[in-house]
């Protein structure tokens, strides 16, 4: 089984964004330390929120401390790239409208989806972001993950991505669905496959398509899991406390009700308590024909001592081959 461990390298987007040291650097460094202890050579794929880095650069003119944060992050990413970890493109375009007030980030979510920008702006954003990440990594960026899974409609993004050398997407997950207006997506018609080619719609396979989809693995979750999640938050068990020091965007009451009362599908994740579901997600993937690639998602900010331990246990007890997206270059559309 080929194992992809992909991390969305980003701050929190709630009332408190958190610090780069606690949300990015410390958890990734702890994760790599623990993975080395498994005795297996494990590589990470980092989907870096490039908009945040560009905003750090812009605001550093007025706030020198942001310039220091930028240098800290760049050193971290370059060190990880030198160790063989991979850097790819992640876009949360709300950074285009957000500002630092001297103490905190003032996040503007009025344009949370990349689709809410003009075609010219989308091309500029994709170009600037890919160029920055390629310069940091020393390699060309070719894989993309949409912020908040907001990938659709893909045809509004496809030209900008293709023109900047991006030919692989890893946003879709089996049965994924969100009806929230700000973060809407619907992957319920996606193939139950390990990968496929597509053209302007990532849910429909096209052997001659210009893009490759390697979906995030998914898992069917019972309401009991979310009750357990709430209980662990209530008792504040230290092993379940996130390394990140920010706050998440809040779920709506309807989202809470659905999760606590009915089965749902979620990404196979190394974040928090969800890491306990890795064996289940692996088994479900094998049963539906997607198990030859086990593509895990995570967020450094949401890692916990418990989740890192569970990931290490999974790797130690399963036959896995650690891969990155570069391992699939032979599948690049012609």
C-alpha atoms as a PDB file:
ATOM      1  CA  UNK A   1       0.000   0.000   0.000  1.00  0.00           C
ATOM      2  CA  UNK A   2       1.340   3.400  -1.016  1.00  0.00           C
ATOM      3  CA  UNK A   3       1.054   5.904   1.827  1.00  0.00           C
ATOM      4  CA  UNK A   4       0.704   9.647   1.224  1.00  0.00           C
ATOM      5  CA  UNK A   5       0.832  11.886   4.303  1.00  0.00           C
ATOM      6  CA  UNK A   6      -0.301  15.336   3.201  1.00  0.00           C
ATOM      7  CA  UNK A   7      -0.393  18.335   5.497  1.00  0.00           C
ATOM      8  CA  UNK A   8      -2.151  21.648   4.860  1.00  0.00           C
ATOM      9  CA  UNK A   9       0.510  24.018   6.198  1.00  0.00           C
ATOM     10  CA  UNK A  10      -1.624  26.934   7.419  1.00  0.00           C
ATOM     11  CA  UNK A  11      -2.721  28.987  10.415  1.00  0.00           C
ATOM     12  CA  UNK A  12      -6.141  28.845  12.070  1.00  0.00           C
ATOM     13  CA  UNK A  13      -8.931  30.911  10.529  1.00  0.00           C
ATOM     14  CA  UNK A  14     -11.039  31.516  13.615  1.00  0.00           C
ATOM     15  CA  UNK A  15     -10.944  34.494  15.970  1.00  0.00           C
ATOM     16  CA  UNK A  16      -7.322  33.695  16.868  1.00  0.00           C
ATOM     17  CA  UNK A  17      -5.061  32.682  13.963  1.00  0.00           C
ATOM     18  CA  UNK A  18      -2.257  31.431  16.203  1.00  0.00           C
ATOM     19  CA  UNK A  19       1.508  31.731  15.797  1.00  0.00           C
ATOM     20  CA  UNK A  20       3.691  30.145  13.074  1.00  0.00           C
ATOM     21  CA  UNK A  21       5.921  28.592  15.739  1.00  0.00           C
ATOM     22  CA  UNK A  22       3.079  26.726  17.470  1.00  0.00           C
ATOM     23  CA  UNK A  23       0.806  26.109  14.463  1.00  0.00           C
ATOM     24  CA  UNK A  24       3.415  25.132  11.875  1.00  0.00           C
ATOM     25  CA  UNK A  25       6.986  24.609  12.980  1.00  0.00           C
ATOM     26  CA  UNK A  26       6.722  22.817  16.324  1.00  0.00           C
ATOM     27  CA  UNK A  27       4.082  20.238  15.290  1.00  0.00           C
ATOM     28  CA  UNK A  28       5.786  19.358  11.991  1.00  0.00           C
ATOM     29  CA  UNK A  29       9.134  18.944  13.730  1.00  0.00           C
ATOM     30  CA  UNK A  30       7.570  16.732  16.411  1.00  0.00           C
ATOM     31  CA  UNK A  31       5.788  14.676  13.760  1.00  0.00           C
ATOM     32  CA  UNK A  32       8.978  14.062  11.774  1.00  0.00           C
ATOM     33  CA  UNK A  33      10.834  13.107  14.975  1.00  0.00           C
ATOM     34  CA  UNK A  34       8.201  10.530  15.878  1.00  0.00           C
ATOM     35  CA  UNK A  35       8.024   9.145  12.343  1.00  0.00           C
ATOM     36  CA  UNK A  36      11.779   8.584  12.294  1.00  0.00           C
ATOM     37  CA  UNK A  37      11.337   6.398  15.373  1.00  0.00           C
ATOM     38  CA  UNK A  38       9.196   3.962  13.354  1.00  0.00           C
ATOM     39  CA  UNK A  39      12.352   2.894  11.538  1.00  0.00           C
ATOM     40  CA  UNK A  40      10.707   3.598   8.176  1.00  0.00           C
ATOM     41  CA  UNK A  41      11.651   6.410   5.819  1.00  0.00           C
ATOM     42  CA  UNK A  42       8.496   8.519   5.757  1.00  0.00           C
ATOM     43  CA  UNK A  43       8.172  11.637   3.621  1.00  0.00           C
ATOM     44  CA  UNK A  44       5.541  14.362   3.974  1.00  0.00           C
ATOM     45  CA  UNK A  45       3.730  16.395   1.322  1.00  0.00           C
ATOM     46  CA  UNK A  46       3.172  19.954   2.504  1.00  0.00           C
ATOM     47  CA  UNK A  47       0.398  21.954   0.855  1.00  0.00           C
ATOM     48  CA  UNK A  48       1.657  25.385   1.802  1.00  0.00           C
ATOM     49  CA  UNK A  49      -0.773  28.290   2.211  1.00  0.00           C
ATOM     50  CA  UNK A  50       1.253  30.606  -0.006  1.00  0.00           C
ATOM     51  CA  UNK A  51      -1.163  33.532   0.363  1.00  0.00           C
ATOM     52  CA  UNK A  52      -0.204  33.793   4.019  1.00  0.00           C
ATOM     53  CA  UNK A  53       3.489  33.978   3.106  1.00  0.00           C
ATOM     54  CA  UNK A  54       2.861  36.698   0.526  1.00  0.00           C
ATOM     55  CA  UNK A  55       0.774  38.664   3.032  1.00  0.00           C
ATOM     56  CA  UNK A  56       3.604  38.348   5.582  1.00  0.00           C
ATOM     57  CA  UNK A  57       5.980  39.867   3.038  1.00  0.00           C
ATOM     58  CA  UNK A  58       3.631  42.745   2.253  1.00  0.00           C
ATOM     59  CA  UNK A  59       2.801  43.603   5.864  1.00  0.00           C
ATOM     60  CA  UNK A  60       6.436  43.298   7.007  1.00  0.00           C
ATOM     61  CA  UNK A  61       7.062  46.756   5.545  1.00  0.00           C
ATOM     62  CA  UNK A  62       5.002  48.209   8.416  1.00  0.00           C
ATOM     63  CA  UNK A  63       5.519  45.437  10.990  1.00  0.00           C
ATOM     64  CA  UNK A  64       9.106  44.108  11.133  1.00  0.00           C
ATOM     65  CA  UNK A  65       8.077  41.186  13.389  1.00  0.00           C
ATOM     66  CA  UNK A  66       6.205  39.718  10.436  1.00  0.00           C
ATOM     67  CA  UNK A  67       9.398  39.800   8.420  1.00  0.00           C
ATOM     68  CA  UNK A  68      11.058  37.702  11.112  1.00  0.00           C
ATOM     69  CA  UNK A  69       8.144  35.251  11.007  1.00  0.00           C
ATOM     70  CA  UNK A  70       8.473  35.017   7.237  1.00  0.00           C
ATOM     71  CA  UNK A  71      12.180  34.198   7.478  1.00  0.00           C
ATOM     72  CA  UNK A  72      11.469  31.593  10.170  1.00  0.00           C
ATOM     73  CA  UNK A  73       8.911  29.818   7.985  1.00  0.00           C
ATOM     74  CA  UNK A  74      11.081  29.954   4.858  1.00  0.00           C
ATOM     75  CA  UNK A  75      14.011  28.392   6.756  1.00  0.00           C
ATOM     76  CA  UNK A  76      11.693  25.669   8.009  1.00  0.00           C
ATOM     77  CA  UNK A  77      10.272  24.868   4.578  1.00  0.00           C
ATOM     78  CA  UNK A  78      13.686  24.865   2.909  1.00  0.00           C
ATOM     79  CA  UNK A  79      15.024  22.499   5.575  1.00  0.00           C
ATOM     80  CA  UNK A  80      12.075  20.154   5.054  1.00  0.00           C
ATOM     81  CA  UNK A  81      12.539  20.245   1.272  1.00  0.00           C
ATOM     82  CA  UNK A  82      16.235  19.422   1.716  1.00  0.00           C
ATOM     83  CA  UNK A  83      15.187  16.347   3.738  1.00  0.00           C
ATOM     84  CA  UNK A  84      13.088  15.078   0.825  1.00  0.00           C
ATOM     85  CA  UNK A  85       9.683  16.319   1.937  1.00  0.00           C
ATOM     86  CA  UNK A  86       7.547  17.843  -0.797  1.00  0.00           C
ATOM     87  CA  UNK A  87       6.078  21.341  -1.116  1.00  0.00           C
ATOM     88  CA  UNK A  88       2.923  21.881  -3.172  1.00  0.00           C
ATOM     89  CA  UNK A  89       0.261  24.545  -3.751  1.00  0.00           C
ATOM     90  CA  UNK A  90      -2.533  25.363  -1.296  1.00  0.00           C
ATOM     91  CA  UNK A  91      -4.676  28.456  -1.807  1.00  0.00           C
ATOM     92  CA  UNK A  92      -6.764  30.254   0.794  1.00  0.00           C
ATOM     93  CA  UNK A  93      -7.440  33.456  -1.153  1.00  0.00           C
ATOM     94  CA  UNK A  94      -8.977  35.343   1.783  1.00  0.00           C
ATOM     95  CA  UNK A  95      -5.407  36.442   2.593  1.00  0.00           C
ATOM     96  CA  UNK A  96      -5.701  38.784  -0.389  1.00  0.00           C
ATOM     97  CA  UNK A  97      -8.184  40.876   1.646  1.00  0.00           C
ATOM     98  CA  UNK A  98      -6.786  40.346   5.177  1.00  0.00           C
ATOM     99  CA  UNK A  99      -4.518  42.659   7.154  1.00  0.00           C
ATOM    100  CA  UNK A 100      -2.383  42.804  10.284  1.00  0.00           C
ATOM    101  CA  UNK A 101      -3.370  45.498  12.780  1.00  0.00           C
ATOM    102  CA  UNK A 102      -0.158  45.472  14.785  1.00  0.00           C
ATOM    103  CA  UNK A 103      -1.269  42.732  17.178  1.00  0.00           C
ATOM    104  CA  UNK A 104      -3.558  40.327  15.320  1.00  0.00           C
ATOM    105  CA  UNK A 105      -4.631  39.373  11.835  1.00  0.00           C
ATOM    106  CA  UNK A 106      -7.944  40.823  10.718  1.00  0.00           C
ATOM    107  CA  UNK A 107      -9.279  38.033   8.525  1.00  0.00           C
ATOM    108  CA  UNK A 108     -11.712  39.017   5.781  1.00  0.00           C
ATOM    109  CA  UNK A 109     -13.792  36.053   4.549  1.00  0.00           C
ATOM    110  CA  UNK A 110     -15.854  38.032   2.025  1.00  0.00           C
ATOM    111  CA  UNK A 111     -13.924  36.243  -0.738  1.00  0.00           C
ATOM    112  CA  UNK A 112     -13.141  32.883   0.853  1.00  0.00           C
ATOM    113  CA  UNK A 113     -13.483  30.963  -2.430  1.00  0.00           C
ATOM    114  CA  UNK A 114     -10.983  31.513  -5.234  1.00  0.00           C
ATOM    115  CA  UNK A 115     -13.947  31.552  -7.615  1.00  0.00           C
ATOM    116  CA  UNK A 116     -15.035  34.910  -6.174  1.00  0.00           C
ATOM    117  CA  UNK A 117     -12.087  36.605  -7.855  1.00  0.00           C
ATOM    118  CA  UNK A 118     -11.985  37.711 -11.486  1.00  0.00           C
ATOM    119  CA  UNK A 119     -10.247  35.531 -14.083  1.00  0.00           C
ATOM    120  CA  UNK A 120      -7.370  37.997 -14.218  1.00  0.00           C
ATOM    121  CA  UNK A 121      -7.002  37.927 -10.436  1.00  0.00           C
ATOM    122  CA  UNK A 122      -7.125  34.128 -10.362  1.00  0.00           C
ATOM    123  CA  UNK A 123      -4.308  33.906 -12.903  1.00  0.00           C
ATOM    124  CA  UNK A 124      -2.236  36.404 -10.940  1.00  0.00           C
ATOM    125  CA  UNK A 125      -2.812  34.590  -7.633  1.00  0.00           C
ATOM    126  CA  UNK A 126      -1.932  31.163  -9.025  1.00  0.00           C
ATOM    127  CA  UNK A 127       1.149  32.534 -10.797  1.00  0.00           C
ATOM    128  CA  UNK A 128       2.481  34.437  -7.781  1.00  0.00           C
ATOM    129  CA  UNK A 129       1.816  31.577  -5.363  1.00  0.00           C
ATOM    130  CA  UNK A 130       3.358  28.835  -7.505  1.00  0.00           C
ATOM    131  CA  UNK A 131       6.436  30.936  -8.264  1.00  0.00           C
ATOM    132  CA  UNK A 132       7.041  31.618  -4.578  1.00  0.00           C
ATOM    133  CA  UNK A 133       6.668  27.966  -3.561  1.00  0.00           C
ATOM    134  CA  UNK A 134       8.845  26.765  -6.448  1.00  0.00           C
ATOM    135  CA  UNK A 135      11.559  29.171  -5.340  1.00  0.00           C
ATOM    136  CA  UNK A 136      11.334  27.934  -1.735  1.00  0.00           C
ATOM    137  CA  UNK A 137      11.375  24.229  -2.600  1.00  0.00           C
ATOM    138  CA  UNK A 138      13.885  24.407  -5.433  1.00  0.00           C
ATOM    139  CA  UNK A 139      11.510  22.298  -7.518  1.00  0.00           C
ATOM    140  CA  UNK A 140       8.538  23.027  -9.712  1.00  0.00           C
ATOM    141  CA  UNK A 141       5.130  22.982  -8.030  1.00  0.00           C
ATOM    142  CA  UNK A 142       2.650  20.737  -9.864  1.00  0.00           C
ATOM    143  CA  UNK A 143       0.026  19.604  -7.303  1.00  0.00           C
ATOM    144  CA  UNK A 144      -2.886  21.619  -5.916  1.00  0.00           C
ATOM    145  CA  UNK A 145      -5.310  21.410  -3.017  1.00  0.00           C
ATOM    146  CA  UNK A 146      -8.162  23.901  -2.782  1.00  0.00           C
ATOM    147  CA  UNK A 147      -8.596  25.731   0.498  1.00  0.00           C
ATOM    148  CA  UNK A 148     -11.706  24.545   2.325  1.00  0.00           C
ATOM    149  CA  UNK A 149     -12.164  21.900  -0.436  1.00  0.00           C
ATOM    150  CA  UNK A 150     -13.678  24.702  -2.565  1.00  0.00           C
ATOM    151  CA  UNK A 151     -12.693  23.207  -5.916  1.00  0.00           C
ATOM    152  CA  UNK A 152     -15.921  23.559  -7.884  1.00  0.00           C
ATOM    153  CA  UNK A 153     -16.646  24.705 -10.515  1.00  0.00           C
ATOM    154  CA  UNK A 154     -13.186  23.606 -11.617  1.00  0.00           C
ATOM    155  CA  UNK A 155     -13.383  25.086 -15.102  1.00  0.00           C
ATOM    156  CA  UNK A 156     -12.985  28.562 -13.598  1.00  0.00           C
ATOM    157  CA  UNK A 157      -9.564  27.513 -12.200  1.00  0.00           C
ATOM    158  CA  UNK A 158      -8.291  25.041 -14.792  1.00  0.00           C
ATOM    159  CA  UNK A 159      -6.599  27.445 -17.211  1.00  0.00           C
ATOM    160  CA  UNK A 160      -4.716  29.296 -14.482  1.00  0.00           C
ATOM    161  CA  UNK A 161      -3.496  26.030 -12.949  1.00  0.00           C
ATOM    162  CA  UNK A 162      -2.475  24.466 -16.277  1.00  0.00           C
ATOM    163  CA  UNK A 163      -0.659  27.597 -17.437  1.00  0.00           C
ATOM    164  CA  UNK A 164       1.436  27.510 -14.263  1.00  0.00           C
ATOM    165  CA  UNK A 165       2.435  23.861 -14.527  1.00  0.00           C
ATOM    166  CA  UNK A 166      -0.160  22.372 -12.162  1.00  0.00           C
ATOM    167  CA  UNK A 167      -1.496  19.073 -13.501  1.00  0.00           C
ATOM    168  CA  UNK A 168      -2.405  17.135 -10.334  1.00  0.00           C
ATOM    169  CA  UNK A 169      -5.219  17.827  -7.895  1.00  0.00           C
ATOM    170  CA  UNK A 170      -5.702  16.242  -4.475  1.00  0.00           C
ATOM    171  CA  UNK A 171      -8.830  17.901  -3.082  1.00  0.00           C
ATOM    172  CA  UNK A 172     -11.682  15.467  -3.761  1.00  0.00           C
ATOM    173  CA  UNK A 173     -12.692  12.804  -1.239  1.00  0.00           C
ATOM    174  CA  UNK A 174     -15.237  10.007  -1.578  1.00  0.00           C
ATOM    175  CA  UNK A 175     -18.792  11.102  -0.687  1.00  0.00           C
ATOM    176  CA  UNK A 176     -17.549  14.504   0.468  1.00  0.00           C
ATOM    177  CA  UNK A 177     -20.286  17.116   0.842  1.00  0.00           C
ATOM    178  CA  UNK A 178     -20.721  20.542   2.423  1.00  0.00           C
ATOM    179  CA  UNK A 179     -23.845  22.653   2.052  1.00  0.00           C
ATOM    180  CA  UNK A 180     -22.361  25.595   3.917  1.00  0.00           C
ATOM    181  CA  UNK A 181     -22.567  28.609   1.548  1.00  0.00           C
ATOM    182  CA  UNK A 182     -19.063  29.877   2.315  1.00  0.00           C
ATOM    183  CA  UNK A 183     -17.405  26.466   1.964  1.00  0.00           C
ATOM    184  CA  UNK A 184     -19.658  24.656  -0.479  1.00  0.00           C
ATOM    185  CA  UNK A 185     -18.495  21.507  -2.267  1.00  0.00           C
ATOM    186  CA  UNK A 186     -20.135  18.314  -3.513  1.00  0.00           C
ATOM    187  CA  UNK A 187     -17.991  15.259  -4.285  1.00  0.00           C
ATOM    188  CA  UNK A 188     -20.760  12.686  -3.883  1.00  0.00           C
ATOM    189  CA  UNK A 189     -20.496  11.637  -7.544  1.00  0.00           C
ATOM    190  CA  UNK A 190     -16.735  11.125  -7.502  1.00  0.00           C
ATOM    191  CA  UNK A 191     -15.413   7.721  -8.607  1.00  0.00           C
ATOM    192  CA  UNK A 192     -14.463   5.160  -5.964  1.00  0.00           C
ATOM    193  CA  UNK A 193     -10.948   4.832  -7.377  1.00  0.00           C
ATOM    194  CA  UNK A 194      -7.370   5.429  -6.259  1.00  0.00           C
ATOM    195  CA  UNK A 195      -6.846   7.973  -9.050  1.00  0.00           C
ATOM    196  CA  UNK A 196      -8.237   9.097 -12.392  1.00  0.00           C
ATOM    197  CA  UNK A 197      -7.688  11.644 -15.150  1.00  0.00           C
ATOM    198  CA  UNK A 198     -10.170  14.424 -15.813  1.00  0.00           C
ATOM    199  CA  UNK A 199     -10.578  17.596 -17.801  1.00  0.00           C
ATOM    200  CA  UNK A 200     -12.858  20.380 -16.515  1.00  0.00           C
ATOM    201  CA  UNK A 201     -14.832  18.363 -13.953  1.00  0.00           C
ATOM    202  CA  UNK A 202     -12.828  16.440 -11.333  1.00  0.00           C
ATOM    203  CA  UNK A 203     -15.808  14.147 -10.609  1.00  0.00           C
ATOM    204  CA  UNK A 204     -15.898  12.651 -14.110  1.00  0.00           C
ATOM    205  CA  UNK A 205     -13.134  10.450 -15.411  1.00  0.00           C
ATOM    206  CA  UNK A 206     -11.679  11.332 -18.810  1.00  0.00           C
ATOM    207  CA  UNK A 207      -8.788   9.181 -20.003  1.00  0.00           C
ATOM    208  CA  UNK A 208      -7.620  12.054 -22.224  1.00  0.00           C
ATOM    209  CA  UNK A 209      -8.072  14.756 -19.575  1.00  0.00           C
ATOM    210  CA  UNK A 210      -5.349  17.240 -18.770  1.00  0.00           C
ATOM    211  CA  UNK A 211      -5.416  16.704 -14.994  1.00  0.00           C
ATOM    212  CA  UNK A 212      -4.826  13.810 -12.617  1.00  0.00           C
ATOM    213  CA  UNK A 213      -6.917  13.446  -9.453  1.00  0.00           C
ATOM    214  CA  UNK A 214      -5.448  11.589  -6.488  1.00  0.00           C
ATOM    215  CA  UNK A 215      -8.302  11.871  -3.995  1.00  0.00           C
ATOM    216  CA  UNK A 216      -7.928  12.119  -0.259  1.00  0.00           C
ATOM    217  CA  UNK A 217      -8.941   8.849   1.361  1.00  0.00           C
ATOM    218  CA  UNK A 218     -12.225   8.950   3.253  1.00  0.00           C
ATOM    219  CA  UNK A 219     -13.955   7.175   6.110  1.00  0.00           C
ATOM    220  CA  UNK A 220     -17.590   6.646   7.095  1.00  0.00           C
ATOM    221  CA  UNK A 221     -18.081   7.900  10.647  1.00  0.00           C
ATOM    222  CA  UNK A 222     -20.812   7.120  13.151  1.00  0.00           C
ATOM    223  CA  UNK A 223     -22.412   9.770  15.414  1.00  0.00           C
ATOM    224  CA  UNK A 224     -20.785   8.016  18.401  1.00  0.00           C
ATOM    225  CA  UNK A 225     -17.386   9.254  17.204  1.00  0.00           C
ATOM    226  CA  UNK A 226     -18.463  12.893  17.388  1.00  0.00           C
ATOM    227  CA  UNK A 227     -19.955  12.391  20.857  1.00  0.00           C
ATOM    228  CA  UNK A 228     -16.578  10.993  21.891  1.00  0.00           C
ATOM    229  CA  UNK A 229     -14.875  13.996  20.294  1.00  0.00           C
ATOM    230  CA  UNK A 230     -17.032  16.408  22.291  1.00  0.00           C
ATOM    231  CA  UNK A 231     -16.337  14.496  25.499  1.00  0.00           C
ATOM    232  CA  UNK A 232     -12.581  14.708  24.984  1.00  0.00           C
ATOM    233  CA  UNK A 233     -12.829  18.453  24.397  1.00  0.00           C
ATOM    234  CA  UNK A 234     -14.892  18.807  27.577  1.00  0.00           C
ATOM    235  CA  UNK A 235     -12.433  16.961  29.842  1.00  0.00           C
ATOM    236  CA  UNK A 236      -9.417  18.707  28.241  1.00  0.00           C
ATOM    237  CA  UNK A 237      -7.157  15.666  28.218  1.00  0.00           C
ATOM    238  CA  UNK A 238      -3.587  16.981  27.609  1.00  0.00           C
ATOM    239  CA  UNK A 239      -2.856  14.264  25.041  1.00  0.00           C
ATOM    240  CA  UNK A 240      -5.749  15.600  22.961  1.00  0.00           C
ATOM    241  CA  UNK A 241      -4.707  19.266  23.109  1.00  0.00           C
ATOM    242  CA  UNK A 242      -3.582  20.629  19.761  1.00  0.00           C
ATOM    243  CA  UNK A 243      -0.069  21.947  19.261  1.00  0.00           C
ATOM    244  CA  UNK A 244      -1.559  24.986  17.542  1.00  0.00           C
ATOM    245  CA  UNK A 245      -2.450  28.035  19.634  1.00  0.00           C
ATOM    246  CA  UNK A 246      -5.303  29.430  17.536  1.00  0.00           C
ATOM    247  CA  UNK A 247      -9.038  28.828  17.152  1.00  0.00           C
ATOM    248  CA  UNK A 248     -10.945  27.121  14.340  1.00  0.00           C
ATOM    249  CA  UNK A 249     -13.828  28.461  12.284  1.00  0.00           C
ATOM    250  CA  UNK A 250     -17.067  27.516  14.053  1.00  0.00           C
ATOM    251  CA  UNK A 251     -19.469  24.878  12.783  1.00  0.00           C
ATOM    252  CA  UNK A 252     -23.100  25.845  12.405  1.00  0.00           C
ATOM    253  CA  UNK A 253     -25.762  24.369  14.692  1.00  0.00           C
ATOM    254  CA  UNK A 254     -27.085  22.369  11.740  1.00  0.00           C
ATOM    255  CA  UNK A 255     -23.635  20.861  11.137  1.00  0.00           C
ATOM    256  CA  UNK A 256     -23.375  19.830  14.788  1.00  0.00           C
ATOM    257  CA  UNK A 257     -26.851  18.296  14.687  1.00  0.00           C
ATOM    258  CA  UNK A 258     -26.143  16.248  11.547  1.00  0.00           C
ATOM    259  CA  UNK A 259     -22.847  14.880  12.838  1.00  0.00           C
ATOM    260  CA  UNK A 260     -24.262  13.967  16.232  1.00  0.00           C
ATOM    261  CA  UNK A 261     -27.337  12.231  14.845  1.00  0.00           C
ATOM    262  CA  UNK A 262     -26.384  10.534  11.565  1.00  0.00           C
ATOM    263  CA  UNK A 263     -23.557   8.761   9.765  1.00  0.00           C
ATOM    264  CA  UNK A 264     -21.335  10.917   7.590  1.00  0.00           C
ATOM    265  CA  UNK A 265     -18.216  10.763   5.444  1.00  0.00           C
ATOM    266  CA  UNK A 266     -15.026  12.602   6.315  1.00  0.00           C
ATOM    267  CA  UNK A 267     -11.429  12.654   5.164  1.00  0.00           C
ATOM    268  CA  UNK A 268      -8.999  10.078   6.510  1.00  0.00           C
ATOM    269  CA  UNK A 269      -7.087  12.399   8.801  1.00  0.00           C
ATOM    270  CA  UNK A 270      -4.084  12.445  11.115  1.00  0.00           C
ATOM    271  CA  UNK A 271      -5.627  15.320  13.105  1.00  0.00           C
ATOM    272  CA  UNK A 272      -6.674  14.801  16.710  1.00  0.00           C
ATOM    273  CA  UNK A 273      -9.071  11.994  17.528  1.00  0.00           C
ATOM    274  CA  UNK A 274      -9.628  11.246  13.831  1.00  0.00           C
ATOM    275  CA  UNK A 275      -6.237   9.518  13.810  1.00  0.00           C
ATOM    276  CA  UNK A 276      -7.884   6.693  15.777  1.00  0.00           C
ATOM    277  CA  UNK A 277      -9.911   5.928  12.616  1.00  0.00           C
ATOM    278  CA  UNK A 278      -6.902   5.200  10.378  1.00  0.00           C
ATOM    279  CA  UNK A 279      -7.261   1.375  10.482  1.00  0.00           C
ATOM    280  CA  UNK A 280     -10.990   1.711   9.750  1.00  0.00           C
ATOM    281  CA  UNK A 281     -10.382   4.138   6.885  1.00  0.00           C
ATOM    282  CA  UNK A 282      -7.737   1.823   5.420  1.00  0.00           C
ATOM    283  CA  UNK A 283     -10.090  -1.165   5.574  1.00  0.00           C
ATOM    284  CA  UNK A 284     -12.960   0.796   3.988  1.00  0.00           C
ATOM    285  CA  UNK A 285     -10.650   2.018   1.221  1.00  0.00           C
ATOM    286  CA  UNK A 286      -9.567  -1.519   0.401  1.00  0.00           C
ATOM    287  CA  UNK A 287     -13.176  -2.677   0.268  1.00  0.00           C
ATOM    288  CA  UNK A 288     -14.211   0.048  -2.206  1.00  0.00           C
ATOM    289  CA  UNK A 289     -11.158  -0.324  -4.447  1.00  0.00           C
ATOM    290  CA  UNK A 290      -9.140   2.726  -3.427  1.00  0.00           C
ATOM    291  CA  UNK A 291      -6.832   1.042  -0.946  1.00  0.00           C
ATOM    292  CA  UNK A 292      -3.667   0.786  -3.066  1.00  0.00           C
ATOM    293  CA  UNK A 293      -3.143   4.490  -2.339  1.00  0.00           C
ATOM    294  CA  UNK A 294      -3.880   5.597   1.217  1.00  0.00           C
ATOM    295  CA  UNK A 295      -3.878   9.393   1.021  1.00  0.00           C
ATOM    296  CA  UNK A 296      -4.068  10.975   4.479  1.00  0.00           C
ATOM    297  CA  UNK A 297      -4.691  14.634   5.184  1.00  0.00           C
ATOM    298  CA  UNK A 298      -3.654  16.596   8.244  1.00  0.00           C
ATOM    299  CA  UNK A 299      -3.001  20.079   9.551  1.00  0.00           C
ATOM    300  CA  UNK A 300       0.057  20.774  11.719  1.00  0.00           C
ATOM    301  CA  UNK A 301      -2.034  23.180  13.816  1.00  0.00           C
ATOM    302  CA  UNK A 302      -4.519  20.370  14.634  1.00  0.00           C
ATOM    303  CA  UNK A 303      -1.999  17.646  15.474  1.00  0.00           C
ATOM    304  CA  UNK A 304      -1.964  16.353  19.045  1.00  0.00           C
ATOM    305  CA  UNK A 305       0.355  14.025  20.990  1.00  0.00           C
ATOM    306  CA  UNK A 306      -2.394  11.407  20.676  1.00  0.00           C
ATOM    307  CA  UNK A 307      -2.772  11.766  16.896  1.00  0.00           C
ATOM    308  CA  UNK A 308       0.968  11.570  16.229  1.00  0.00           C
ATOM    309  CA  UNK A 309       1.158   8.444  18.380  1.00  0.00           C
ATOM    310  CA  UNK A 310      -1.735   6.834  16.491  1.00  0.00           C
ATOM    311  CA  UNK A 311      -0.172   7.628  13.108  1.00  0.00           C
ATOM    312  CA  UNK A 312       3.160   6.150  14.205  1.00  0.00           C
ATOM    313  CA  UNK A 313       1.353   3.034  15.457  1.00  0.00           C
ATOM    314  CA  UNK A 314      -0.450   2.637  12.130  1.00  0.00           C
ATOM    315  CA  UNK A 315       2.789   2.925  10.167  1.00  0.00           C
ATOM    316  CA  UNK A 316       4.580   0.474  12.472  1.00  0.00           C
ATOM    317  CA  UNK A 317       1.857  -2.176  12.172  1.00  0.00           C
ATOM    318  CA  UNK A 318       1.074  -1.970   8.429  1.00  0.00           C
ATOM    319  CA  UNK A 319       3.005  -2.708   5.274  1.00  0.00           C
ATOM    320  CA  UNK A 320       3.297   0.740   3.727  1.00  0.00           C
ATOM    321  CA  UNK A 321       5.478   2.367   1.097  1.00  0.00           C
ATOM    322  CA  UNK A 322       5.887   6.085   1.766  1.00  0.00           C
ATOM    323  CA  UNK A 323       5.413   8.110  -1.418  1.00  0.00           C
ATOM    324  CA  UNK A 324       4.981  11.733  -2.452  1.00  0.00           C
ATOM    325  CA  UNK A 325       3.140  13.157  -5.434  1.00  0.00           C
ATOM    326  CA  UNK A 326       6.392  13.036  -7.411  1.00  0.00           C
ATOM    327  CA  UNK A 327       6.022   9.240  -7.290  1.00  0.00           C
ATOM    328  CA  UNK A 328       3.115   9.582  -9.735  1.00  0.00           C
ATOM    329  CA  UNK A 329       4.856  11.589 -12.455  1.00  0.00           C
ATOM    330  CA  UNK A 330       4.479   8.671 -14.872  1.00  0.00           C
ATOM    331  CA  UNK A 331       0.716   9.290 -14.695  1.00  0.00           C
ATOM    332  CA  UNK A 332       1.059  12.897 -15.830  1.00  0.00           C
ATOM    333  CA  UNK A 333      -1.423  13.613 -18.637  1.00  0.00           C
ATOM    334  CA  UNK A 334       0.159  13.825 -22.071  1.00  0.00           C
END
